[in-house]
């Protein structure tokens, strides 16, 4: 079974592309979704308290993820510490998940695939590309946040152009450029390789 990484900058439309692969019967592992579940794990919560203290916790003991985001997107060392906690757990979950799949290939989606070396585990990489201005426009509408906050998040990722240059396959995710046709073409190439 081949391992195919899927990446792209924040707001480029990775979710839409993943849906198209899913419709072809390809299992998709979404790293952020998996990592989000760790916030219910008592062991993980202890580690979060060690990293960030009590200020990121609500009175009921749950984590205020927005407070963590505010910290890590302005402090690269805090972000590295958080990722050093999360990424080994995600990788172990991915390996276990792969053992349960019965398809010619699976997709591992992560916005930070290159930044944390997940690309070295993959047989090929698909990058979803959309220029920065269009991504910012979409994200401002979707997330109801400021351009400054979005750009702070983007600074923690490789540029979309660098991801595109390093990829084996690129999906140009513009209106009028049919995503399904691009996904089907890449699917056929992966199946034939």
Protein backbone atom coordinates (compact mmCIF):
# COMPACT_ATOMS: atom_id res chain seq x y z
CA UNK A 1 0.00 0.00 0.00
CA UNK A 2 1.37 3.41 -0.98
CA UNK A 3 1.39 6.34 1.44
CA UNK A 4 0.46 9.60 -0.24
CA UNK A 5 0.92 12.87 1.59
CA UNK A 6 -1.46 15.73 0.91
CA UNK A 7 -0.55 19.24 1.95
CA UNK A 8 -1.05 22.90 1.14
CA UNK A 9 -1.18 26.20 2.91
CA UNK A 10 -3.95 27.18 5.28
CA UNK A 11 -7.10 28.03 3.33
CA UNK A 12 -6.05 26.42 0.05
CA UNK A 13 -8.93 23.92 -0.04
CA UNK A 14 -7.35 20.69 1.21
CA UNK A 15 -10.67 19.57 2.71
CA UNK A 16 -12.45 19.82 -0.64
CA UNK A 17 -9.67 17.84 -2.33
CA UNK A 18 -9.74 15.18 0.40
CA UNK A 19 -13.48 14.79 -0.15
CA UNK A 20 -12.83 14.10 -3.84
CA UNK A 21 -10.28 11.40 -2.98
CA UNK A 22 -12.72 9.91 -0.45
CA UNK A 23 -15.39 9.73 -3.15
CA UNK A 24 -12.95 7.56 -5.13
CA UNK A 25 -12.82 5.16 -2.16
CA UNK A 26 -9.43 6.30 -0.89
CA UNK A 27 -9.12 6.40 2.92
CA UNK A 28 -7.90 9.77 4.20
CA UNK A 29 -6.18 10.37 7.53
CA UNK A 30 -6.46 14.01 8.64
CA UNK A 31 -3.67 14.81 11.09
CA UNK A 32 -5.35 17.89 12.61
CA UNK A 33 -8.60 16.01 13.26
CA UNK A 34 -6.70 13.22 14.97
CA UNK A 35 -4.66 15.66 17.05
CA UNK A 36 -7.85 17.42 18.14
CA UNK A 37 -9.02 14.23 19.85
CA UNK A 38 -5.99 14.24 22.13
CA UNK A 39 -7.49 17.11 24.10
CA UNK A 40 -9.78 14.50 25.72
CA UNK A 41 -6.83 12.31 26.77
CA UNK A 42 -5.80 12.76 30.46
CA UNK A 43 -2.12 12.03 29.70
CA UNK A 44 -2.09 14.66 26.98
CA UNK A 45 -3.78 17.22 29.24
CA UNK A 46 -1.07 16.74 31.88
CA UNK A 47 1.55 17.47 29.22
CA UNK A 48 -0.36 20.55 28.04
CA UNK A 49 -0.48 21.85 31.62
CA UNK A 50 3.29 21.28 31.89
CA UNK A 51 3.89 23.23 28.68
CA UNK A 52 1.46 26.12 29.06
CA UNK A 53 0.35 26.21 32.70
CA UNK A 54 -3.15 26.69 34.07
CA UNK A 55 -3.97 29.76 31.98
CA UNK A 56 -5.01 27.67 28.95
CA UNK A 57 -7.53 25.63 30.97
CA UNK A 58 -11.18 26.42 31.61
CA UNK A 59 -12.70 26.00 35.06
CA UNK A 60 -14.11 22.60 34.06
CA UNK A 61 -10.63 21.29 33.16
CA UNK A 62 -11.05 21.50 29.40
CA UNK A 63 -8.46 23.24 27.26
CA UNK A 64 -9.13 26.61 25.69
CA UNK A 65 -7.56 25.87 22.28
CA UNK A 66 -7.82 29.51 21.20
CA UNK A 67 -5.50 30.46 24.06
CA UNK A 68 -2.96 27.86 22.98
CA UNK A 69 -3.23 29.08 19.38
CA UNK A 70 -2.65 32.67 20.50
CA UNK A 71 0.52 31.55 22.27
CA UNK A 72 2.02 29.24 19.66
CA UNK A 73 1.40 31.38 16.61
CA UNK A 74 3.43 34.15 18.21
CA UNK A 75 6.12 32.00 19.89
CA UNK A 76 8.04 29.58 17.67
CA UNK A 77 9.58 27.75 20.64
CA UNK A 78 6.15 27.12 22.17
CA UNK A 79 4.92 25.87 18.80
CA UNK A 80 7.91 23.52 18.52
CA UNK A 81 7.20 22.16 22.02
CA UNK A 82 3.53 21.57 21.22
CA UNK A 83 4.37 19.86 17.93
CA UNK A 84 7.03 17.70 19.63
CA UNK A 85 4.24 16.42 21.89
CA UNK A 86 1.57 15.95 19.22
CA UNK A 87 3.42 14.68 16.16
CA UNK A 88 4.79 11.41 17.56
CA UNK A 89 1.26 10.58 18.74
CA UNK A 90 -0.20 11.40 15.30
CA UNK A 91 2.43 9.27 13.59
CA UNK A 92 1.70 6.27 15.82
CA UNK A 93 -2.03 6.65 15.20
CA UNK A 94 -1.40 6.86 11.45
CA UNK A 95 0.64 3.66 11.48
CA UNK A 96 -2.09 1.82 13.40
CA UNK A 97 -4.76 3.24 11.09
CA UNK A 98 -2.83 2.11 7.98
CA UNK A 99 -2.87 -1.49 9.20
CA UNK A 100 -6.68 -1.37 9.06
CA UNK A 101 -6.84 -0.18 5.43
CA UNK A 102 -7.21 -2.43 2.38
CA UNK A 103 -6.66 -0.05 -0.55
CA UNK A 104 -3.82 0.45 -3.04
CA UNK A 105 -2.99 3.75 -1.34
CA UNK A 106 -4.05 6.00 1.53
CA UNK A 107 -3.76 9.72 2.05
CA UNK A 108 -2.13 11.41 5.03
CA UNK A 109 -3.21 15.07 5.15
CA UNK A 110 -1.22 17.65 7.05
CA UNK A 111 -0.69 21.36 6.45
CA UNK A 112 2.79 20.96 7.95
CA UNK A 113 3.82 17.79 6.14
CA UNK A 114 7.22 19.16 5.08
CA UNK A 115 7.84 21.26 8.17
CA UNK A 116 7.89 18.21 10.45
CA UNK A 117 9.42 15.61 8.16
CA UNK A 118 6.27 13.59 7.47
CA UNK A 119 7.12 13.88 3.76
CA UNK A 120 10.04 11.48 4.25
CA UNK A 121 7.57 8.71 5.12
CA UNK A 122 5.46 9.19 2.00
CA UNK A 123 5.75 7.58 -1.41
CA UNK A 124 4.51 10.74 -3.11
CA UNK A 125 3.18 14.19 -2.19
CA UNK A 126 0.16 16.04 -3.53
CA UNK A 127 0.06 19.79 -2.89
CA UNK A 128 -3.09 21.85 -3.16
CA UNK A 129 -2.18 25.33 -4.39
CA UNK A 130 -3.97 28.64 -4.18
CA UNK A 131 -2.23 32.00 -4.13
CA UNK A 132 -1.89 33.84 -0.83
CA UNK A 133 -4.30 36.69 -1.54
CA UNK A 134 -7.12 34.35 -2.50
CA UNK A 135 -6.44 32.19 0.58
CA UNK A 136 -6.54 35.26 2.83
CA UNK A 137 -9.78 36.42 1.24
CA UNK A 138 -11.42 33.01 1.78
CA UNK A 139 -10.11 32.67 5.34
CA UNK A 140 -11.28 36.13 6.37
CA UNK A 141 -14.78 35.17 5.26
CA UNK A 142 -14.66 31.65 6.73
CA UNK A 143 -12.96 32.30 10.07
CA UNK A 144 -14.13 35.87 10.72
CA UNK A 145 -10.64 36.83 11.85
CA UNK A 146 -8.08 39.44 10.96
CA UNK A 147 -5.55 39.34 8.17
CA UNK A 148 -2.79 39.87 10.76
CA UNK A 149 -3.76 36.72 12.68
CA UNK A 150 -3.98 34.72 9.48
CA UNK A 151 -0.59 35.93 8.29
CA UNK A 152 0.92 35.00 11.67
CA UNK A 153 -0.33 31.45 11.16
CA UNK A 154 0.98 31.39 7.60
CA UNK A 155 4.45 32.41 8.76
CA UNK A 156 4.71 29.09 10.63
CA UNK A 157 4.34 27.16 7.37
CA UNK A 158 6.44 26.87 4.23
CA UNK A 159 5.19 29.10 1.45
CA UNK A 160 2.58 27.63 -0.87
CA UNK A 161 5.01 28.07 -3.74
CA UNK A 162 7.74 26.07 -2.01
CA UNK A 163 5.29 23.28 -1.22
CA UNK A 164 4.23 23.26 -4.85
CA UNK A 165 7.84 23.09 -6.04
CA UNK A 166 8.58 20.11 -3.78
CA UNK A 167 5.43 18.12 -4.61
CA UNK A 168 5.08 15.20 -6.98
CA UNK A 169 1.58 16.32 -7.97
CA UNK A 170 -0.11 19.73 -7.77
CA UNK A 171 -3.81 20.57 -7.68
CA UNK A 172 -4.57 24.17 -8.69
CA UNK A 173 -7.63 24.91 -6.60
CA UNK A 174 -9.22 27.83 -8.44
CA UNK A 175 -12.86 28.24 -9.35
CA UNK A 176 -13.29 27.14 -12.94
CA UNK A 177 -10.42 24.67 -12.72
CA UNK A 178 -12.27 21.42 -11.97
CA UNK A 179 -10.83 19.82 -8.84
CA UNK A 180 -12.47 16.47 -9.47
CA UNK A 181 -10.83 16.18 -12.88
CA UNK A 182 -7.42 16.95 -11.35
CA UNK A 183 -7.99 14.48 -8.49
CA UNK A 184 -9.12 11.77 -10.92
CA UNK A 185 -6.00 12.32 -13.05
CA UNK A 186 -3.67 12.08 -10.03
CA UNK A 187 -5.59 9.03 -8.79
CA UNK A 188 -4.98 7.28 -12.12
CA UNK A 189 -1.27 8.17 -12.05
CA UNK A 190 -0.87 6.83 -8.49
CA UNK A 191 -2.75 3.65 -9.33
CA UNK A 192 -0.54 3.10 -12.39
CA UNK A 193 2.76 3.76 -10.59
